[in-house]
C-alpha cells in the first residue's frame, strides 16, 4: 500500500496506522461480514480499513478523535454506507452494531474493550499490543494471568489469530501486535454481584503473589473498610483453607466469585 501524505502522528495517543493492505483485508475476512451487518470501527485513521469494511457491510460507523485524520478519511472513503463520528470512543455513546473491527489506539485498549463488552454484539476482530493480547487469554498460574484475564474470561471467548511485527505499521510501534477475535458470551458461572466481583478481583490482584489469606488482610481497606484486623481474622475462619492457602495468581475466575459470596454470606 502506497503511503499517503499524512499529518504527524502521536505515539503518545497510540496512533499507529496499518500499512499492509493484506492485513486489513484479512481483518475483514476474519469478521465474516455480510450485508446485514452494522460494523463499528474505532480509530478511523486514514480510512484504509473503513474502505474495506464498507465493501462488505450494510453500514459502517467509524469513530476518530483526531480531526486531521478524520478529514483525510472522509476524502479517501466516499461510500454512502459509512457514518463518520468525531470524538473520543471512550466518551461518545456507541451506536448499535453487530460486529466491531478496529485497529485500536493502544493507549485506550483496556477502556475500549470493556466498554464494548457492555454492548450486545456478535463478534469483534481487534488489533492489540501482543503483550495485552497475551494477558487477555492467560491461564491461572501463568505469568501473564491477572485482572484483565479474569474480567475478559467472564465476558467473552478470545483467540489470537495473528502476531504482527512493528514494521507493518506507520510509525512502527516499539512492540509487536496481534489480531484478536473476540466473541461475547455470558459468564460460564453465575456472578451474583458484578460490582463486588470486580472489586474482589481488583483488590486481590494488587497482591497477586501472596496467599489469599494475606491478600484479603492486606485488602481490608478496600473490601472491609469498617472491620478491624482482629475481626477480619475471625471472619476468615469461614473460608475453606484450601482457598486461603492458594496464591492469588493461581485462582480460577470462579474462585473469585466464591470469595465474593463468602464475603457477603451471613
C-alpha atoms as a PDB file:
ATOM      1  CA  UNK A   1       0.000   0.000   0.000  1.00  0.00           C
ATOM      2  CA  UNK A   2       1.468   3.369  -1.044  1.00  0.00           C
ATOM      3  CA  UNK A   3       1.915   5.554   1.997  1.00  0.00           C
ATOM      4  CA  UNK A   4      -0.150   8.760   1.628  1.00  0.00           C
ATOM      5  CA  UNK A   5       0.895  12.139   2.938  1.00  0.00           C
ATOM      6  CA  UNK A   6      -0.406  12.313   6.472  1.00  0.00           C
ATOM      7  CA  UNK A   7      -0.122  14.684   9.415  1.00  0.00           C
ATOM      8  CA  UNK A   8       2.328  13.931  12.170  1.00  0.00           C
ATOM      9  CA  UNK A   9       1.005  11.050  14.273  1.00  0.00           C
ATOM     10  CA  UNK A  10       1.098  10.932  18.050  1.00  0.00           C
ATOM     11  CA  UNK A  11       2.834   7.975  19.691  1.00  0.00           C
ATOM     12  CA  UNK A  12       1.508   9.328  22.976  1.00  0.00           C
ATOM     13  CA  UNK A  13      -2.043   8.692  21.748  1.00  0.00           C
ATOM     14  CA  UNK A  14      -1.064   5.282  20.389  1.00  0.00           C
ATOM     15  CA  UNK A  15      -1.599   6.290  16.749  1.00  0.00           C
ATOM     16  CA  UNK A  16      -0.076   3.596  14.519  1.00  0.00           C
ATOM     17  CA  UNK A  17      -1.591   3.007  11.079  1.00  0.00           C
ATOM     18  CA  UNK A  18      -1.539  -0.397   9.378  1.00  0.00           C
ATOM     19  CA  UNK A  19       0.327  -0.012   6.078  1.00  0.00           C
ATOM     20  CA  UNK A  20      -0.173  -3.558   4.761  1.00  0.00           C
ATOM     21  CA  UNK A  21      -3.343  -3.874   2.698  1.00  0.00           C
ATOM     22  CA  UNK A  22      -3.298  -7.657   3.045  1.00  0.00           C
ATOM     23  CA  UNK A  23      -3.581  -7.393   6.828  1.00  0.00           C
ATOM     24  CA  UNK A  24      -6.573  -5.059   6.541  1.00  0.00           C
ATOM     25  CA  UNK A  25      -8.319  -7.426   4.135  1.00  0.00           C
ATOM     26  CA  UNK A  26      -7.690 -10.378   6.447  1.00  0.00           C
ATOM     27  CA  UNK A  27      -9.185  -8.498   9.389  1.00  0.00           C
ATOM     28  CA  UNK A  28     -12.353  -8.028   7.346  1.00  0.00           C
ATOM     29  CA  UNK A  29     -12.355 -11.710   6.338  1.00  0.00           C
ATOM     30  CA  UNK A  30     -11.903 -12.844   9.955  1.00  0.00           C
ATOM     31  CA  UNK A  31     -15.059 -10.917  10.872  1.00  0.00           C
ATOM     32  CA  UNK A  32     -17.147 -12.731   8.214  1.00  0.00           C
ATOM     33  CA  UNK A  33     -19.026  -9.547   7.412  1.00  0.00           C
ATOM     34  CA  UNK A  34     -22.249  -9.698   5.398  1.00  0.00           C
ATOM     35  CA  UNK A  35     -24.598  -7.006   4.012  1.00  0.00           C
ATOM     36  CA  UNK A  36     -26.834  -7.495   7.054  1.00  0.00           C
ATOM     37  CA  UNK A  37     -24.052  -6.386   9.426  1.00  0.00           C
ATOM     38  CA  UNK A  38     -23.688  -3.000  11.068  1.00  0.00           C
ATOM     39  CA  UNK A  39     -19.971  -2.640  11.753  1.00  0.00           C
ATOM     40  CA  UNK A  40     -18.279  -0.369  14.271  1.00  0.00           C
ATOM     41  CA  UNK A  41     -14.707   0.819  13.728  1.00  0.00           C
ATOM     42  CA  UNK A  42     -12.763   2.663  16.430  1.00  0.00           C
ATOM     43  CA  UNK A  43      -9.787   4.636  15.190  1.00  0.00           C
ATOM     44  CA  UNK A  44     -10.628   5.584  11.597  1.00  0.00           C
ATOM     45  CA  UNK A  45      -7.106   6.716  10.781  1.00  0.00           C
ATOM     46  CA  UNK A  46      -6.891   7.443   7.049  1.00  0.00           C
ATOM     47  CA  UNK A  47      -9.923   5.275   6.303  1.00  0.00           C
ATOM     48  CA  UNK A  48      -7.952   2.360   4.832  1.00  0.00           C
ATOM     49  CA  UNK A  49      -9.761  -0.290   6.893  1.00  0.00           C
ATOM     50  CA  UNK A  50     -13.010   1.698   6.669  1.00  0.00           C
ATOM     51  CA  UNK A  51     -12.974   1.357   2.879  1.00  0.00           C
ATOM     52  CA  UNK A  52     -12.720  -2.440   3.001  1.00  0.00           C
ATOM     53  CA  UNK A  53     -15.405  -2.661   5.696  1.00  0.00           C
ATOM     54  CA  UNK A  54     -17.788  -0.557   3.609  1.00  0.00           C
ATOM     55  CA  UNK A  55     -17.462  -3.008   0.700  1.00  0.00           C
ATOM     56  CA  UNK A  56     -18.862  -5.864   2.805  1.00  0.00           C
ATOM     57  CA  UNK A  57     -21.135  -4.349   5.472  1.00  0.00           C
ATOM     58  CA  UNK A  58     -24.589  -2.867   5.235  1.00  0.00           C
ATOM     59  CA  UNK A  59     -23.455   0.088   7.339  1.00  0.00           C
ATOM     60  CA  UNK A  60     -20.221   1.228   8.984  1.00  0.00           C
ATOM     61  CA  UNK A  61     -19.889   3.592  11.939  1.00  0.00           C
ATOM     62  CA  UNK A  62     -16.313   4.792  12.361  1.00  0.00           C
ATOM     63  CA  UNK A  63     -15.048   6.890  15.282  1.00  0.00           C
ATOM     64  CA  UNK A  64     -11.931   9.081  15.212  1.00  0.00           C
ATOM     65  CA  UNK A  65     -10.847  11.698  17.757  1.00  0.00           C
ATOM     66  CA  UNK A  66      -8.160  13.295  15.553  1.00  0.00           C
ATOM     67  CA  UNK A  67      -9.937  15.827  13.322  1.00  0.00           C
ATOM     68  CA  UNK A  68      -6.960  15.958  10.938  1.00  0.00           C
ATOM     69  CA  UNK A  69      -7.117  12.230  10.222  1.00  0.00           C
ATOM     70  CA  UNK A  70     -10.902  12.249  10.000  1.00  0.00           C
ATOM     71  CA  UNK A  71     -10.816  14.940   7.308  1.00  0.00           C
ATOM     72  CA  UNK A  72      -8.418  12.826   5.225  1.00  0.00           C
ATOM     73  CA  UNK A  73     -10.508   9.681   5.782  1.00  0.00           C
ATOM     74  CA  UNK A  74     -13.616  11.460   4.503  1.00  0.00           C
ATOM     75  CA  UNK A  75     -11.734  12.281   1.299  1.00  0.00           C
ATOM     76  CA  UNK A  76     -10.459   8.713   0.944  1.00  0.00           C
ATOM     77  CA  UNK A  77     -13.786   6.961   1.608  1.00  0.00           C
ATOM     78  CA  UNK A  78     -16.756   8.009  -0.492  1.00  0.00           C
ATOM     79  CA  UNK A  79     -19.058   5.084   0.321  1.00  0.00           C
ATOM     80  CA  UNK A  80     -22.599   6.135   1.189  1.00  0.00           C
ATOM     81  CA  UNK A  81     -22.933   3.477   3.889  1.00  0.00           C
ATOM     82  CA  UNK A  82     -20.241   4.998   6.137  1.00  0.00           C
ATOM     83  CA  UNK A  83     -21.062   7.311   9.057  1.00  0.00           C
ATOM     84  CA  UNK A  84     -18.079   9.266  10.404  1.00  0.00           C
ATOM     85  CA  UNK A  85     -18.110  10.217  14.093  1.00  0.00           C
ATOM     86  CA  UNK A  86     -15.658  12.745  15.507  1.00  0.00           C
ATOM     87  CA  UNK A  87     -14.956  12.076  19.178  1.00  0.00           C
ATOM     88  CA  UNK A  88     -13.248  10.028  21.857  1.00  0.00           C
ATOM     89  CA  UNK A  89     -14.653   6.488  21.716  1.00  0.00           C
ATOM     90  CA  UNK A  90     -14.310   6.246  25.487  1.00  0.00           C
ATOM     91  CA  UNK A  91     -16.770   9.112  25.910  1.00  0.00           C
ATOM     92  CA  UNK A  92     -19.167   9.075  22.960  1.00  0.00           C
ATOM     93  CA  UNK A  93     -22.315   6.981  23.023  1.00  0.00           C
ATOM     94  CA  UNK A  94     -21.670   3.969  20.827  1.00  0.00           C
ATOM     95  CA  UNK A  95     -24.261   3.214  18.137  1.00  0.00           C
ATOM     96  CA  UNK A  96     -25.902  -0.186  17.900  1.00  0.00           C
ATOM     97  CA  UNK A  97     -23.717  -2.604  15.935  1.00  0.00           C
ATOM     98  CA  UNK A  98     -23.432  -6.321  15.167  1.00  0.00           C
ATOM     99  CA  UNK A  99     -19.650  -6.519  14.726  1.00  0.00           C
ATOM    100  CA  UNK A 100     -16.634  -4.396  15.604  1.00  0.00           C
ATOM    101  CA  UNK A 101     -13.446  -4.384  13.538  1.00  0.00           C
ATOM    102  CA  UNK A 102     -10.689  -1.992  14.528  1.00  0.00           C
ATOM    103  CA  UNK A 103      -7.019  -1.201  14.826  1.00  0.00           C
ATOM    104  CA  UNK A 104      -7.463   0.149  18.346  1.00  0.00           C
ATOM    105  CA  UNK A 105      -5.331   3.016  19.647  1.00  0.00           C
ATOM    106  CA  UNK A 106      -3.182   1.027  22.078  1.00  0.00           C
ATOM    107  CA  UNK A 107      -3.324   3.604  24.871  1.00  0.00           C
ATOM    108  CA  UNK A 108      -7.064   3.045  25.287  1.00  0.00           C
ATOM    109  CA  UNK A 109      -7.280  -0.699  24.554  1.00  0.00           C
ATOM    110  CA  UNK A 110      -8.440  -1.708  28.024  1.00  0.00           C
ATOM    111  CA  UNK A 111     -11.052   1.052  28.411  1.00  0.00           C
ATOM    112  CA  UNK A 112     -12.481   0.434  24.949  1.00  0.00           C
ATOM    113  CA  UNK A 113     -12.550  -3.350  25.311  1.00  0.00           C
ATOM    114  CA  UNK A 114     -14.640  -3.243  28.466  1.00  0.00           C
ATOM    115  CA  UNK A 115     -16.905  -0.553  27.053  1.00  0.00           C
ATOM    116  CA  UNK A 116     -17.508  -2.769  24.027  1.00  0.00           C
ATOM    117  CA  UNK A 117     -18.229  -5.803  26.203  1.00  0.00           C
ATOM    118  CA  UNK A 118     -21.085  -3.914  27.842  1.00  0.00           C
ATOM    119  CA  UNK A 119     -22.792  -3.856  24.431  1.00  0.00           C
ATOM    120  CA  UNK A 120     -24.743  -6.606  22.682  1.00  0.00           C
ATOM    121  CA  UNK A 121     -22.852  -7.682  19.554  1.00  0.00           C
ATOM    122  CA  UNK A 122     -21.845 -10.885  17.761  1.00  0.00           C
ATOM    123  CA  UNK A 123     -18.122 -10.678  17.130  1.00  0.00           C
ATOM    124  CA  UNK A 124     -15.079  -8.435  17.225  1.00  0.00           C
ATOM    125  CA  UNK A 125     -11.787  -8.502  15.312  1.00  0.00           C
ATOM    126  CA  UNK A 126      -9.408  -6.126  17.046  1.00  0.00           C
ATOM    127  CA  UNK A 127      -5.756  -5.154  16.884  1.00  0.00           C
ATOM    128  CA  UNK A 128      -3.927  -5.036  20.232  1.00  0.00           C
ATOM    129  CA  UNK A 129      -0.405  -4.908  21.535  1.00  0.00           C
ATOM    130  CA  UNK A 130       0.768  -8.530  21.634  1.00  0.00           C
ATOM    131  CA  UNK A 131       1.544  -8.288  25.343  1.00  0.00           C
ATOM    132  CA  UNK A 132      -2.009  -7.077  26.030  1.00  0.00           C
ATOM    133  CA  UNK A 133      -3.490  -9.856  23.888  1.00  0.00           C
ATOM    134  CA  UNK A 134      -1.500 -12.493  25.753  1.00  0.00           C
ATOM    135  CA  UNK A 135      -2.779 -11.129  29.056  1.00  0.00           C
ATOM    136  CA  UNK A 136      -6.334 -11.391  27.727  1.00  0.00           C
ATOM    137  CA  UNK A 137      -6.013 -15.149  27.152  1.00  0.00           C
ATOM    138  CA  UNK A 138      -3.656 -16.012  30.034  1.00  0.00           C
ATOM    139  CA  UNK A 139      -4.499 -19.038  32.183  1.00  0.00           C
ATOM    140  CA  UNK A 140      -4.383 -19.256  36.002  1.00  0.00           C
ATOM    141  CA  UNK A 141      -0.880 -19.785  37.362  1.00  0.00           C
ATOM    142  CA  UNK A 142       0.909 -18.225  34.379  1.00  0.00           C
ATOM    143  CA  UNK A 143       2.983 -15.006  34.498  1.00  0.00           C
ATOM    144  CA  UNK A 144       0.568 -13.045  32.270  1.00  0.00           C
ATOM    145  CA  UNK A 145      -2.538 -14.007  34.278  1.00  0.00           C
ATOM    146  CA  UNK A 146      -4.159 -11.095  36.027  1.00  0.00           C
ATOM    147  CA  UNK A 147      -7.175  -8.859  36.449  1.00  0.00           C
ATOM    148  CA  UNK A 148      -7.567  -8.403  32.682  1.00  0.00           C
ATOM    149  CA  UNK A 149      -7.528 -12.182  32.105  1.00  0.00           C
ATOM    150  CA  UNK A 150     -10.275 -12.803  34.661  1.00  0.00           C
ATOM    151  CA  UNK A 151     -12.534  -9.967  33.550  1.00  0.00           C
ATOM    152  CA  UNK A 152     -12.268 -10.829  29.855  1.00  0.00           C
ATOM    153  CA  UNK A 153     -12.827 -14.558  30.530  1.00  0.00           C
ATOM    154  CA  UNK A 154     -16.092 -13.699  32.263  1.00  0.00           C
ATOM    155  CA  UNK A 155     -17.416 -11.838  29.223  1.00  0.00           C
ATOM    156  CA  UNK A 156     -16.018 -13.382  26.038  1.00  0.00           C
ATOM    157  CA  UNK A 157     -14.151 -16.135  24.234  1.00  0.00           C
ATOM    158  CA  UNK A 158     -10.869 -14.741  22.913  1.00  0.00           C
ATOM    159  CA  UNK A 159      -8.330 -16.109  20.424  1.00  0.00           C
ATOM    160  CA  UNK A 160      -5.164 -14.656  18.911  1.00  0.00           C
ATOM    161  CA  UNK A 161      -5.368 -15.009  15.122  1.00  0.00           C
ATOM    162  CA  UNK A 162      -2.074 -13.424  14.055  1.00  0.00           C
ATOM    163  CA  UNK A 163       1.040 -11.900  15.572  1.00  0.00           C
ATOM    164  CA  UNK A 164       2.443  -8.916  13.672  1.00  0.00           C
ATOM    165  CA  UNK A 165       5.845  -7.177  13.696  1.00  0.00           C
ATOM    166  CA  UNK A 166       6.222  -3.402  14.220  1.00  0.00           C
ATOM    167  CA  UNK A 167       7.212  -2.731  10.609  1.00  0.00           C
ATOM    168  CA  UNK A 168       3.687  -3.289   9.254  1.00  0.00           C
ATOM    169  CA  UNK A 169       2.647  -0.039  10.974  1.00  0.00           C
ATOM    170  CA  UNK A 170       3.446   3.624  10.442  1.00  0.00           C
ATOM    171  CA  UNK A 171       5.003   4.861  12.568  1.00  0.00           C
ATOM    172  CA  UNK A 172       6.312   1.497  13.822  1.00  0.00           C
ATOM    173  CA  UNK A 173       5.391   0.925  17.484  1.00  0.00           C
ATOM    174  CA  UNK A 174       8.041  -0.275  19.924  1.00  0.00           C
ATOM    175  CA  UNK A 175       6.187  -3.578  20.392  1.00  0.00           C
ATOM    176  CA  UNK A 176       4.698  -6.439  18.392  1.00  0.00           C
ATOM    177  CA  UNK A 177       0.954  -6.567  17.819  1.00  0.00           C
ATOM    178  CA  UNK A 178      -1.785  -9.168  17.473  1.00  0.00           C
ATOM    179  CA  UNK A 179      -5.090  -9.567  15.686  1.00  0.00           C
ATOM    180  CA  UNK A 180      -7.609 -10.935  18.168  1.00  0.00           C
ATOM    181  CA  UNK A 181     -11.069 -12.387  17.612  1.00  0.00           C
ATOM    182  CA  UNK A 182     -13.481 -11.789  20.455  1.00  0.00           C
ATOM    183  CA  UNK A 183     -16.898 -13.454  20.824  1.00  0.00           C
ATOM    184  CA  UNK A 184     -19.052 -12.077  23.645  1.00  0.00           C
ATOM    185  CA  UNK A 185     -20.886 -14.631  25.792  1.00  0.00           C
ATOM    186  CA  UNK A 186     -22.410 -14.886  29.267  1.00  0.00           C
ATOM    187  CA  UNK A 187     -20.023 -15.861  32.082  1.00  0.00           C
ATOM    188  CA  UNK A 188     -19.585 -19.650  32.395  1.00  0.00           C
ATOM    189  CA  UNK A 189     -20.603 -19.396  36.051  1.00  0.00           C
ATOM    190  CA  UNK A 190     -23.169 -17.234  37.822  1.00  0.00           C
ATOM    191  CA  UNK A 191     -21.920 -13.922  39.193  1.00  0.00           C
ATOM    192  CA  UNK A 192     -24.268 -12.714  41.910  1.00  0.00           C
ATOM    193  CA  UNK A 193     -22.936  -9.162  42.178  1.00  0.00           C
ATOM    194  CA  UNK A 194     -20.769  -7.837  39.332  1.00  0.00           C
ATOM    195  CA  UNK A 195     -19.662  -4.804  41.301  1.00  0.00           C
ATOM    196  CA  UNK A 196     -18.429  -6.870  44.242  1.00  0.00           C
ATOM    197  CA  UNK A 197     -16.841  -9.465  41.957  1.00  0.00           C
ATOM    198  CA  UNK A 198     -14.880  -6.744  40.143  1.00  0.00           C
ATOM    199  CA  UNK A 199     -13.773  -5.179  43.427  1.00  0.00           C
ATOM    200  CA  UNK A 200     -12.526  -8.540  44.714  1.00  0.00           C
ATOM    201  CA  UNK A 201     -10.580  -9.234  41.513  1.00  0.00           C
ATOM    202  CA  UNK A 202      -9.033  -5.768  41.506  1.00  0.00           C
ATOM    203  CA  UNK A 203      -8.149  -5.806  45.210  1.00  0.00           C
ATOM    204  CA  UNK A 204      -6.620  -9.281  45.286  1.00  0.00           C
ATOM    205  CA  UNK A 205      -4.503  -8.789  42.185  1.00  0.00           C
ATOM    206  CA  UNK A 206      -2.805  -5.905  43.968  1.00  0.00           C
ATOM    207  CA  UNK A 207      -1.160  -8.784  45.881  1.00  0.00           C
ATOM    208  CA  UNK A 208      -1.037 -11.405  43.096  1.00  0.00           C
ATOM    209  CA  UNK A 209       1.832 -13.498  44.526  1.00  0.00           C
ATOM    210  CA  UNK A 210       0.540 -13.582  48.091  1.00  0.00           C
ATOM    211  CA  UNK A 211      -1.632 -16.302  49.556  1.00  0.00           C
ATOM    212  CA  UNK A 212      -5.316 -15.431  49.510  1.00  0.00           C
ATOM    213  CA  UNK A 213      -5.436 -15.166  53.310  1.00  0.00           C
ATOM    214  CA  UNK A 214      -2.761 -12.459  53.365  1.00  0.00           C
ATOM    215  CA  UNK A 215      -4.103 -10.750  50.261  1.00  0.00           C
ATOM    216  CA  UNK A 216      -7.530 -10.400  51.895  1.00  0.00           C
ATOM    217  CA  UNK A 217      -5.977  -8.970  55.053  1.00  0.00           C
ATOM    218  CA  UNK A 218      -3.901  -6.502  53.037  1.00  0.00           C
ATOM    219  CA  UNK A 219      -7.003  -5.570  51.025  1.00  0.00           C
ATOM    220  CA  UNK A 220      -9.083  -4.894  54.123  1.00  0.00           C
ATOM    221  CA  UNK A 221      -9.185  -1.158  53.421  1.00  0.00           C
ATOM    222  CA  UNK A 222     -10.891  -1.812  50.079  1.00  0.00           C
ATOM    223  CA  UNK A 223     -13.067  -4.784  50.946  1.00  0.00           C
ATOM    224  CA  UNK A 224     -13.711  -4.394  54.696  1.00  0.00           C
ATOM    225  CA  UNK A 225     -13.327  -0.662  55.462  1.00  0.00           C
ATOM    226  CA  UNK A 226     -15.226  -0.890  58.758  1.00  0.00           C
ATOM    227  CA  UNK A 227     -13.673  -4.122  60.054  1.00  0.00           C
ATOM    228  CA  UNK A 228     -10.663  -4.249  62.392  1.00  0.00           C
ATOM    229  CA  UNK A 229      -7.906  -6.735  61.562  1.00  0.00           C
ATOM    230  CA  UNK A 230      -8.731  -8.908  64.575  1.00  0.00           C
ATOM    231  CA  UNK A 231     -12.357  -9.119  63.448  1.00  0.00           C
ATOM    232  CA  UNK A 232     -11.187  -9.881  59.937  1.00  0.00           C
ATOM    233  CA  UNK A 233      -9.056 -12.831  61.043  1.00  0.00           C
ATOM    234  CA  UNK A 234     -12.063 -14.290  62.855  1.00  0.00           C
ATOM    235  CA  UNK A 235     -14.207 -13.588  59.802  1.00  0.00           C
ATOM    236  CA  UNK A 236     -11.819 -15.538  57.564  1.00  0.00           C
ATOM    237  CA  UNK A 237     -12.434 -18.716  59.574  1.00  0.00           C
ATOM    238  CA  UNK A 238     -15.494 -19.297  57.386  1.00  0.00           C
ATOM    239  CA  UNK A 239     -13.275 -19.563  54.279  1.00  0.00           C
ATOM    240  CA  UNK A 240     -12.108 -23.032  53.145  1.00  0.00           C
ATOM    241  CA  UNK A 241      -8.448 -23.474  53.994  1.00  0.00           C
ATOM    242  CA  UNK A 242      -7.611 -24.790  50.515  1.00  0.00           C
ATOM    243  CA  UNK A 243      -8.799 -21.447  49.140  1.00  0.00           C
ATOM    244  CA  UNK A 244      -6.943 -19.296  51.667  1.00  0.00           C
ATOM    245  CA  UNK A 245      -3.650 -21.122  51.122  1.00  0.00           C
ATOM    246  CA  UNK A 246      -3.533 -20.632  47.361  1.00  0.00           C
ATOM    247  CA  UNK A 247      -1.699 -17.768  45.685  1.00  0.00           C
ATOM    248  CA  UNK A 248      -3.890 -15.121  44.095  1.00  0.00           C
ATOM    249  CA  UNK A 249      -2.469 -15.740  40.608  1.00  0.00           C
ATOM    250  CA  UNK A 250      -3.373 -19.438  40.932  1.00  0.00           C
ATOM    251  CA  UNK A 251      -7.086 -18.757  41.458  1.00  0.00           C
ATOM    252  CA  UNK A 252      -9.518 -19.645  38.686  1.00  0.00           C
ATOM    253  CA  UNK A 253     -12.053 -16.957  37.719  1.00  0.00           C
ATOM    254  CA  UNK A 254     -14.828 -18.827  39.532  1.00  0.00           C
ATOM    255  CA  UNK A 255     -12.740 -18.789  42.731  1.00  0.00           C
ATOM    256  CA  UNK A 256     -13.027 -15.001  42.853  1.00  0.00           C
ATOM    257  CA  UNK A 257     -16.795 -15.413  42.782  1.00  0.00           C
ATOM    258  CA  UNK A 258     -16.559 -17.948  45.644  1.00  0.00           C
ATOM    259  CA  UNK A 259     -14.645 -15.354  47.646  1.00  0.00           C
ATOM    260  CA  UNK A 260     -17.146 -12.611  46.797  1.00  0.00           C
ATOM    261  CA  UNK A 261     -20.034 -14.775  48.002  1.00  0.00           C
ATOM    262  CA  UNK A 262     -18.217 -15.706  51.205  1.00  0.00           C
ATOM    263  CA  UNK A 263     -17.715 -12.011  51.902  1.00  0.00           C
ATOM    264  CA  UNK A 264     -21.467 -11.452  51.864  1.00  0.00           C
ATOM    265  CA  UNK A 265     -22.650 -14.688  53.476  1.00  0.00           C
ATOM    266  CA  UNK A 266     -24.324 -14.251  56.889  1.00  0.00           C
END
